Amino acid sequence: MSRASFYRAFAEAFDMTPKQFVAKTRLHHAAQMLRSTPLPVKLIAGNVGFSSRSHFSRLFSEAYGVDPSEFRAQTRNRPTDPPKAVH
């Protein structure tokens, strides 16, 4: 299967691009870590694949409506919903 065919089939099956899927998965994992660990936000960002804390924080805020530190304060020890659409 060519790269273009894979991209098209993936987008049709999951209603998002592979890049959006990876970002959504990373942000969901980060949300779980924020809720359940005391690790610093910068370390969590790196652990889920972001090289820049500011980029991570911007995407996280877009997906969850609050920055990672506020999310942690609001949701500690509660189930984590998946992020909204990731662009």
PDB file of N, CA and C in Angstrom:
ATOM      1  N   MET A   1       0.851  -1.164   0.000  1.00  0.00           N
ATOM      2  CA  MET A   1       0.000   0.000   0.000  1.00  0.00           C
ATOM      3  C   MET A   1       0.906   1.240   0.000  1.00  0.00           C
ATOM      4  N   SER A   2       0.597   2.157  -0.844  1.00  0.00           N
ATOM      5  CA  SER A   2       1.386   3.386  -0.916  1.00  0.00           C
ATOM      6  C   SER A   2       1.071   4.277   0.286  1.00  0.00           C
ATOM      7  N   ARG A   3       1.936   5.226   0.520  1.00  0.00           N
ATOM      8  CA  ARG A   3       1.728   6.172   1.612  1.00  0.00           C
ATOM      9  C   ARG A   3       0.425   6.942   1.424  1.00  0.00           C
ATOM     10  N   ALA A   4       0.171   7.380   0.206  1.00  0.00           N
ATOM     11  CA  ALA A   4      -1.053   8.135  -0.079  1.00  0.00           C
ATOM     12  C   ALA A   4      -2.294   7.267   0.127  1.00  0.00           C
ATOM     13  N   SER A   5      -2.225   6.010  -0.279  1.00  0.00           N
ATOM     14  CA  SER A   5      -3.359   5.101  -0.085  1.00  0.00           C
ATOM     15  C   SER A   5      -3.613   4.857   1.398  1.00  0.00           C
ATOM     16  N   PHE A   6      -2.534   4.664   2.142  1.00  0.00           N
ATOM     17  CA  PHE A   6      -2.675   4.474   3.588  1.00  0.00           C
ATOM     18  C   PHE A   6      -3.313   5.699   4.230  1.00  0.00           C
ATOM     19  N   TYR A   7      -2.815   6.863   3.903  1.00  0.00           N
ATOM     20  CA  TYR A   7      -3.319   8.116   4.457  1.00  0.00           C
ATOM     21  C   TYR A   7      -4.822   8.240   4.183  1.00  0.00           C
ATOM     22  N   ARG A   8      -5.217   7.987   2.943  1.00  0.00           N
ATOM     23  CA  ARG A   8      -6.622   8.095   2.548  1.00  0.00           C
ATOM     24  C   ARG A   8      -7.478   7.066   3.299  1.00  0.00           C
ATOM     25  N   ALA A   9      -7.016   5.815   3.357  1.00  0.00           N
ATOM     26  CA  ALA A   9      -7.780   4.765   4.029  1.00  0.00           C
ATOM     27  C   ALA A   9      -7.885   5.041   5.534  1.00  0.00           C
ATOM     28  N   PHE A  10      -6.805   5.508   6.124  1.00  0.00           N
ATOM     29  CA  PHE A  10      -6.805   5.822   7.552  1.00  0.00           C
ATOM     30  C   PHE A  10      -7.795   6.947   7.841  1.00  0.00           C
ATOM     31  N   ALA A  11      -7.728   7.997   7.053  1.00  0.00           N
ATOM     32  CA  ALA A  11      -8.616   9.150   7.252  1.00  0.00           C
ATOM     33  C   ALA A  11     -10.081   8.748   7.109  1.00  0.00           C
ATOM     34  N   GLU A  12     -10.371   7.867   6.175  1.00  0.00           N
ATOM     35  CA  GLU A  12     -11.748   7.396   5.998  1.00  0.00           C
ATOM     36  C   GLU A  12     -12.190   6.536   7.175  1.00  0.00           C
ATOM     37  N   ALA A  13     -11.310   5.683   7.667  1.00  0.00           N
ATOM     38  CA  ALA A  13     -11.661   4.772   8.752  1.00  0.00           C
ATOM     39  C   ALA A  13     -11.797   5.470  10.101  1.00  0.00           C
ATOM     40  N   PHE A  14     -10.942   6.445  10.368  1.00  0.00           N
ATOM     41  CA  PHE A  14     -10.907   7.064  11.696  1.00  0.00           C
ATOM     42  C   PHE A  14     -11.393   8.512  11.726  1.00  0.00           C
ATOM     43  N   ASP A  15     -11.754   9.046  10.580  1.00  0.00           N
ATOM     44  CA  ASP A  15     -12.251  10.420  10.478  1.00  0.00           C
ATOM     45  C   ASP A  15     -11.242  11.435  11.009  1.00  0.00           C
ATOM     46  N   MET A  16      -9.961  11.124  10.840  1.00  0.00           N
ATOM     47  CA  MET A  16      -8.871  12.042  11.186  1.00  0.00           C
ATOM     48  C   MET A  16      -7.615  11.541  10.484  1.00  0.00           C
ATOM     49  N   THR A  17      -6.656  12.433  10.333  1.00  0.00           N
ATOM     50  CA  THR A  17      -5.407  12.046   9.686  1.00  0.00           C
ATOM     51  C   THR A  17      -4.547  11.246  10.668  1.00  0.00           C
ATOM     52  N   PRO A  18      -3.577  10.499  10.157  1.00  0.00           N
ATOM     53  CA  PRO A  18      -2.663   9.803  11.061  1.00  0.00           C
ATOM     54  C   PRO A  18      -1.961  10.759  12.029  1.00  0.00           C
ATOM     55  N   LYS A  19      -1.573  11.929  11.563  1.00  0.00           N
ATOM     56  CA  LYS A  19      -0.913  12.916  12.422  1.00  0.00           C
ATOM     57  C   LYS A  19      -1.847  13.366  13.544  1.00  0.00           C
ATOM     58  N   GLN A  20      -3.105  13.603  13.232  1.00  0.00           N
ATOM     59  CA  GLN A  20      -4.076  13.999  14.254  1.00  0.00           C
ATOM     60  C   GLN A  20      -4.292  12.870  15.261  1.00  0.00           C
ATOM     61  N   PHE A  21      -4.318  11.634  14.767  1.00  0.00           N
ATOM     62  CA  PHE A  21      -4.484  10.475  15.643  1.00  0.00           C
ATOM     63  C   PHE A  21      -3.326  10.374  16.638  1.00  0.00           C
ATOM     64  N   VAL A  22      -2.108  10.522  16.149  1.00  0.00           N
ATOM     65  CA  VAL A  22      -0.928  10.448  17.016  1.00  0.00           C
ATOM     66  C   VAL A  22      -0.972  11.570  18.053  1.00  0.00           C
ATOM     67  N   ALA A  23      -1.287  12.785  17.621  1.00  0.00           N
ATOM     68  CA  ALA A  23      -1.353  13.906  18.562  1.00  0.00           C
ATOM     69  C   ALA A  23      -2.430  13.675  19.615  1.00  0.00           C
ATOM     70  N   LYS A  24      -3.597  13.203  19.200  1.00  0.00           N
ATOM     71  CA  LYS A  24      -4.687  12.952  20.133  1.00  0.00           C
ATOM     72  C   LYS A  24      -4.294  11.874  21.138  1.00  0.00           C
ATOM     73  N   THR A  25      -3.635  10.833  20.676  1.00  0.00           N
ATOM     74  CA  THR A  25      -3.195   9.751  21.546  1.00  0.00           C
ATOM     75  C   THR A  25      -2.156  10.252  22.544  1.00  0.00           C
ATOM     76  N   ARG A  26      -1.205  11.048  22.073  1.00  0.00           N
ATOM     77  CA  ARG A  26      -0.185  11.606  22.967  1.00  0.00           C
ATOM     78  C   ARG A  26      -0.812  12.516  24.025  1.00  0.00           C
ATOM     79  N   LEU A  27      -1.737  13.361  23.611  1.00  0.00           N
ATOM     80  CA  LEU A  27      -2.378  14.269  24.559  1.00  0.00           C
ATOM     81  C   LEU A  27      -3.222  13.515  25.586  1.00  0.00           C
ATOM     82  N   HIS A  28      -3.878  12.465  25.156  1.00  0.00           N
ATOM     83  CA  HIS A  28      -4.674  11.657  26.087  1.00  0.00           C
ATOM     84  C   HIS A  28      -3.762  11.002  27.121  1.00  0.00           C
ATOM     85  N   HIS A  29      -2.643  10.457  26.667  1.00  0.00           N
ATOM     86  CA  HIS A  29      -1.686   9.846  27.592  1.00  0.00           C
ATOM     87  C   HIS A  29      -1.136  10.898  28.557  1.00  0.00           C
ATOM     88  N   ALA A  30      -0.831  12.084  28.041  1.00  0.00           N
ATOM     89  CA  ALA A  30      -0.336  13.168  28.900  1.00  0.00           C
ATOM     90  C   ALA A  30      -1.388  13.529  29.947  1.00  0.00           C
ATOM     91  N   ALA A  31      -2.647  13.588  29.545  1.00  0.00           N
ATOM     92  CA  ALA A  31      -3.723  13.910  30.487  1.00  0.00           C
ATOM     93  C   ALA A  31      -3.792  12.868  31.602  1.00  0.00           C
ATOM     94  N   GLN A  32      -3.637  11.613  31.246  1.00  0.00           N
ATOM     95  CA  GLN A  32      -3.632  10.552  32.259  1.00  0.00           C
ATOM     96  C   GLN A  32      -2.463  10.731  33.219  1.00  0.00           C
ATOM     97  N   MET A  33      -1.291  11.081  32.678  1.00  0.00           N
ATOM     98  CA  MET A  33      -0.112  11.282  33.512  1.00  0.00           C
ATOM     99  C   MET A  33      -0.270  12.508  34.412  1.00  0.00           C
ATOM    100  N   LEU A  34      -0.843  13.570  33.884  1.00  0.00           N
ATOM    101  CA  LEU A  34      -1.070  14.780  34.685  1.00  0.00           C
ATOM    102  C   LEU A  34      -1.992  14.484  35.858  1.00  0.00           C
ATOM    103  N   ARG A  35      -2.973  13.670  35.609  1.00  0.00           N
ATOM    104  CA  ARG A  35      -3.959  13.346  36.618  1.00  0.00           C
ATOM    105  C   ARG A  35      -3.413  12.393  37.680  1.00  0.00           C
ATOM    106  N   SER A  36      -2.490  11.529  37.290  1.00  0.00           N
ATOM    107  CA  SER A  36      -2.110  10.441  38.197  1.00  0.00           C
ATOM    108  C   SER A  36      -0.664  10.459  38.695  1.00  0.00           C
ATOM    109  N   THR A  37       0.156  11.405  38.233  1.00  0.00           N
ATOM    110  CA  THR A  37       1.544  11.452  38.682  1.00  0.00           C
ATOM    111  C   THR A  37       1.915  12.873  39.101  1.00  0.00           C
ATOM    112  N   PRO A  38       2.967  12.994  39.898  1.00  0.00           N
ATOM    113  CA  PRO A  38       3.450  14.321  40.267  1.00  0.00           C
ATOM    114  C   PRO A  38       4.546  14.834  39.323  1.00  0.00           C
ATOM    115  N   LEU A  39       4.779  14.150  38.208  1.00  0.00           N
ATOM    116  CA  LEU A  39       5.850  14.551  37.295  1.00  0.00           C
ATOM    117  C   LEU A  39       5.633  15.975  36.781  1.00  0.00           C
ATOM    118  N   PRO A  40       6.703  16.740  36.614  1.00  0.00           N
ATOM    119  CA  PRO A  40       6.576  18.092  36.061  1.00  0.00           C
ATOM    120  C   PRO A  40       6.009  18.060  34.638  1.00  0.00           C
ATOM    121  N   VAL A  41       5.301  19.100  34.268  1.00  0.00           N
ATOM    122  CA  VAL A  41       4.684  19.188  32.947  1.00  0.00           C
ATOM    123  C   VAL A  41       5.735  19.019  31.843  1.00  0.00           C
ATOM    124  N   LYS A  42       6.888  19.639  32.008  1.00  0.00           N
ATOM    125  CA  LYS A  42       7.945  19.535  30.994  1.00  0.00           C
ATOM    126  C   LYS A  42       8.365  18.088  30.784  1.00  0.00           C
ATOM    127  N   LEU A  43       8.480  17.315  31.852  1.00  0.00           N
ATOM    128  CA  LEU A  43       8.866  15.912  31.739  1.00  0.00           C
ATOM    129  C   LEU A  43       7.758  15.086  31.088  1.00  0.00           C
ATOM    130  N   ILE A  44       6.526  15.362  31.443  1.00  0.00           N
ATOM    131  CA  ILE A  44       5.396  14.658  30.816  1.00  0.00           C
ATOM    132  C   ILE A  44       5.370  14.957  29.319  1.00  0.00           C
ATOM    133  N   ALA A  45       5.561  16.223  28.956  1.00  0.00           N
ATOM    134  CA  ALA A  45       5.582  16.597  27.537  1.00  0.00           C
ATOM    135  C   ALA A  45       6.634  15.777  26.788  1.00  0.00           C
ATOM    136  N   GLY A  46       7.827  15.680  27.347  1.00  0.00           N
ATOM    137  CA  GLY A  46       8.884  14.896  26.720  1.00  0.00           C
ATOM    138  C   GLY A  46       8.564  13.416  26.677  1.00  0.00           C
ATOM    139  N   ASN A  47       7.967  12.895  27.738  1.00  0.00           N
ATOM    140  CA  ASN A  47       7.634  11.471  27.800  1.00  0.00           C
ATOM    141  C   ASN A  47       6.613  11.057  26.749  1.00  0.00           C
ATOM    142  N   VAL A  48       5.739  11.962  26.365  1.00  0.00           N
ATOM    143  CA  VAL A  48       4.724  11.621  25.366  1.00  0.00           C
ATOM    144  C   VAL A  48       5.119  12.043  23.954  1.00  0.00           C
ATOM    145  N   GLY A  49       6.339  12.582  23.804  1.00  0.00           N
ATOM    146  CA  GLY A  49       6.850  12.818  22.458  1.00  0.00           C
ATOM    147  C   GLY A  49       6.930  14.261  21.994  1.00  0.00           C
ATOM    148  N   PHE A  50       6.749  15.220  22.893  1.00  0.00           N
ATOM    149  CA  PHE A  50       6.868  16.627  22.517  1.00  0.00           C
ATOM    150  C   PHE A  50       8.241  17.133  22.936  1.00  0.00           C
ATOM    151  N   SER A  51       8.955  17.761  22.031  1.00  0.00           N
ATOM    152  CA  SER A  51      10.276  18.286  22.368  1.00  0.00           C
ATOM    153  C   SER A  51      10.192  19.678  22.976  1.00  0.00           C
ATOM    154  N   SER A  52       9.058  20.331  22.827  1.00  0.00           N
ATOM    155  CA  SER A  52       8.877  21.684  23.335  1.00  0.00           C
ATOM    156  C   SER A  52       7.700  21.724  24.305  1.00  0.00           C
ATOM    157  N   ARG A  53       7.958  22.200  25.523  1.00  0.00           N
ATOM    158  CA  ARG A  53       6.882  22.315  26.503  1.00  0.00           C
ATOM    159  C   ARG A  53       5.838  23.321  26.040  1.00  0.00           C
ATOM    160  N   SER A  54       6.276  24.401  25.412  1.00  0.00           N
ATOM    161  CA  SER A  54       5.319  25.422  24.984  1.00  0.00           C
ATOM    162  C   SER A  54       4.402  24.895  23.876  1.00  0.00           C
ATOM    163  N   HIS A  55       4.949  24.135  22.949  1.00  0.00           N
ATOM    164  CA  HIS A  55       4.124  23.535  21.892  1.00  0.00           C
ATOM    165  C   HIS A  55       3.132  22.545  22.501  1.00  0.00           C
ATOM    166  N   PHE A  56       3.625  21.724  23.416  1.00  0.00           N
ATOM    167  CA  PHE A  56       2.752  20.776  24.106  1.00  0.00           C
ATOM    168  C   PHE A  56       1.619  21.522  24.831  1.00  0.00           C
ATOM    169  N   SER A  57       1.983  22.564  25.587  1.00  0.00           N
ATOM    170  CA  SER A  57       0.971  23.306  26.347  1.00  0.00           C
ATOM    171  C   SER A  57      -0.070  23.948  25.442  1.00  0.00           C
ATOM    172  N   ARG A  58       0.368  24.460  24.296  1.00  0.00           N
ATOM    173  CA  ARG A  58      -0.571  25.088  23.362  1.00  0.00           C
ATOM    174  C   ARG A  58      -1.551  24.052  22.818  1.00  0.00           C
ATOM    175  N   LEU A  59      -1.038  22.908  22.358  1.00  0.00           N
ATOM    176  CA  LEU A  59      -1.919  21.861  21.827  1.00  0.00           C
ATOM    177  C   LEU A  59      -2.822  21.286  22.915  1.00  0.00           C
ATOM    178  N   PHE A  60      -2.278  21.115  24.109  1.00  0.00           N
ATOM    179  CA  PHE A  60      -3.067  20.584  25.209  1.00  0.00           C
ATOM    180  C   PHE A  60      -4.220  21.535  25.537  1.00  0.00           C
ATOM    181  N   SER A  61      -3.922  22.818  25.598  1.00  0.00           N
ATOM    182  CA  SER A  61      -4.959  23.815  25.885  1.00  0.00           C
ATOM    183  C   SER A  61      -6.047  23.831  24.816  1.00  0.00           C
ATOM    184  N   GLU A  62      -5.642  23.696  23.550  1.00  0.00           N
ATOM    185  CA  GLU A  62      -6.629  23.639  22.463  1.00  0.00           C
ATOM    186  C   GLU A  62      -7.521  22.409  22.597  1.00  0.00           C
ATOM    187  N   ALA A  63      -6.937  21.288  22.991  1.00  0.00           N
ATOM    188  CA  ALA A  63      -7.685  20.035  23.065  1.00  0.00           C
ATOM    189  C   ALA A  63      -8.550  19.922  24.308  1.00  0.00           C
ATOM    190  N   TYR A  64      -8.067  20.416  25.453  1.00  0.00           N
ATOM    191  CA  TYR A  64      -8.768  20.231  26.721  1.00  0.00           C
ATOM    192  C   TYR A  64      -9.386  21.505  27.293  1.00  0.00           C
ATOM    193  N   GLY A  65      -9.091  22.642  26.688  1.00  0.00           N
ATOM    194  CA  GLY A  65      -9.712  23.881  27.130  1.00  0.00           C
ATOM    195  C   GLY A  65      -9.024  24.569  28.296  1.00  0.00           C
ATOM    196  N   VAL A  66      -7.996  23.954  28.859  1.00  0.00           N
ATOM    197  CA  VAL A  66      -7.205  24.547  29.946  1.00  0.00           C
ATOM    198  C   VAL A  66      -5.754  24.131  29.758  1.00  0.00           C
ATOM    199  N   ASP A  67      -4.839  24.892  30.363  1.00  0.00           N
ATOM    200  CA  ASP A  67      -3.436  24.513  30.243  1.00  0.00           C
ATOM    201  C   ASP A  67      -3.164  23.285  31.120  1.00  0.00           C
ATOM    202  N   PRO A  68      -2.057  22.594  30.889  1.00  0.00           N
ATOM    203  CA  PRO A  68      -1.787  21.349  31.613  1.00  0.00           C
ATOM    204  C   PRO A  68      -1.781  21.493  33.136  1.00  0.00           C
ATOM    205  N   SER A  69      -1.228  22.569  33.657  1.00  0.00           N
ATOM    206  CA  SER A  69      -1.185  22.743  35.119  1.00  0.00           C
ATOM    207  C   SER A  69      -2.583  22.904  35.703  1.00  0.00           C
ATOM    208  N   GLU A  70      -3.421  23.684  35.034  1.00  0.00           N
ATOM    209  CA  GLU A  70      -4.793  23.851  35.516  1.00  0.00           C
ATOM    210  C   GLU A  70      -5.576  22.554  35.372  1.00  0.00           C
ATOM    211  N   PHE A  71      -5.356  21.836  34.272  1.00  0.00           N
ATOM    212  CA  PHE A  71      -6.001  20.532  34.084  1.00  0.00           C
ATOM    213  C   PHE A  71      -5.662  19.619  35.255  1.00  0.00           C
ATOM    214  N   ARG A  72      -4.389  19.598  35.639  1.00  0.00           N
ATOM    215  CA  ARG A  72      -3.948  18.748  36.753  1.00  0.00           C
ATOM    216  C   ARG A  72      -4.707  19.131  38.028  1.00  0.00           C
ATOM    217  N   ALA A  73      -4.793  20.405  38.304  1.00  0.00           N
ATOM    218  CA  ALA A  73      -5.466  20.859  39.522  1.00  0.00           C
ATOM    219  C   ALA A  73      -6.955  20.515  39.513  1.00  0.00           C
ATOM    220  N   GLN A  74      -7.576  20.588  38.350  1.00  0.00           N
ATOM    221  CA  GLN A  74      -9.022  20.346  38.247  1.00  0.00           C
ATOM    222  C   GLN A  74      -9.386  18.868  38.218  1.00  0.00           C
ATOM    223  N   THR A  75      -8.492  18.019  37.736  1.00  0.00           N
ATOM    224  CA  THR A  75      -8.898  16.642  37.441  1.00  0.00           C
ATOM    225  C   THR A  75      -8.143  15.569  38.208  1.00  0.00           C
ATOM    226  N   ARG A  76      -7.330  15.931  39.145  1.00  0.00           N
ATOM    227  CA  ARG A  76      -6.566  14.926  39.886  1.00  0.00           C
ATOM    228  C   ARG A  76      -7.493  13.826  40.391  1.00  0.00           C
ATOM    229  N   ASN A  77      -7.114  12.572  40.116  1.00  0.00           N
ATOM    230  CA  ASN A  77      -7.833  11.374  40.563  1.00  0.00           C
ATOM    231  C   ASN A  77      -9.234  11.219  39.979  1.00  0.00           C
ATOM    232  N   ARG A  78      -9.458  11.798  38.795  1.00  0.00           N
ATOM    233  CA  ARG A  78     -10.729  11.609  38.088  1.00  0.00           C
ATOM    234  C   ARG A  78     -10.437  10.970  36.737  1.00  0.00           C
ATOM    235  N   PRO A  79     -11.382  10.228  36.146  1.00  0.00           N
ATOM    236  CA  PRO A  79     -11.169   9.659  34.816  1.00  0.00           C
ATOM    237  C   PRO A  79     -10.897  10.749  33.785  1.00  0.00           C
ATOM    238  N   THR A  80     -10.100  10.421  32.785  1.00  0.00           N
ATOM    239  CA  THR A  80      -9.731  11.383  31.752  1.00  0.00           C
ATOM    240  C   THR A  80     -10.487  11.100  30.464  1.00  0.00           C
ATOM    241  N   ASP A  81     -11.247  12.082  29.989  1.00  0.00           N
ATOM    242  CA  ASP A  81     -11.906  11.968  28.688  1.00  0.00           C
ATOM    243  C   ASP A  81     -10.870  12.182  27.607  1.00  0.00           C
ATOM    244  N   PRO A  82     -11.066  11.568  26.435  1.00  0.00           N
ATOM    245  CA  PRO A  82     -10.139  11.846  25.343  1.00  0.00           C
ATOM    246  C   PRO A  82     -10.218  13.313  24.929  1.00  0.00           C
ATOM    247  N   PRO A  83      -9.145  13.831  24.334  1.00  0.00           N
ATOM    248  CA  PRO A  83      -9.163  15.233  23.919  1.00  0.00           C
ATOM    249  C   PRO A  83     -10.168  15.496  22.822  1.00  0.00           C
ATOM    250  N   LYS A  84     -10.565  16.759  22.686  1.00  0.00           N
ATOM    251  CA  LYS A  84     -11.388  17.165  21.558  1.00  0.00           C
ATOM    252  C   LYS A  84     -10.566  17.030  20.297  1.00  0.00           C
ATOM    253  N   ALA A  85     -11.077  17.430  19.194  1.00  0.00           N
ATOM    254  CA  ALA A  85     -10.359  17.356  17.920  1.00  0.00           C
ATOM    255  C   ALA A  85      -9.013  18.064  18.033  1.00  0.00           C
ATOM    256  N   VAL A  86      -7.997  17.473  17.430  1.00  0.00           N
ATOM    257  CA  VAL A  86      -6.659  18.028  17.411  1.00  0.00           C
ATOM    258  C   VAL A  86      -6.348  18.458  15.990  1.00  0.00           C
ATOM    259  N   HIS A  87      -5.833  19.660  15.829  1.00  0.00           N
ATOM    260  CA  HIS A  87      -5.558  20.183  14.493  1.00  0.00           C
ATOM    261  C   HIS A  87      -4.122  20.030  14.142  1.00  0.00           C
TER     262      HIS A  87
END
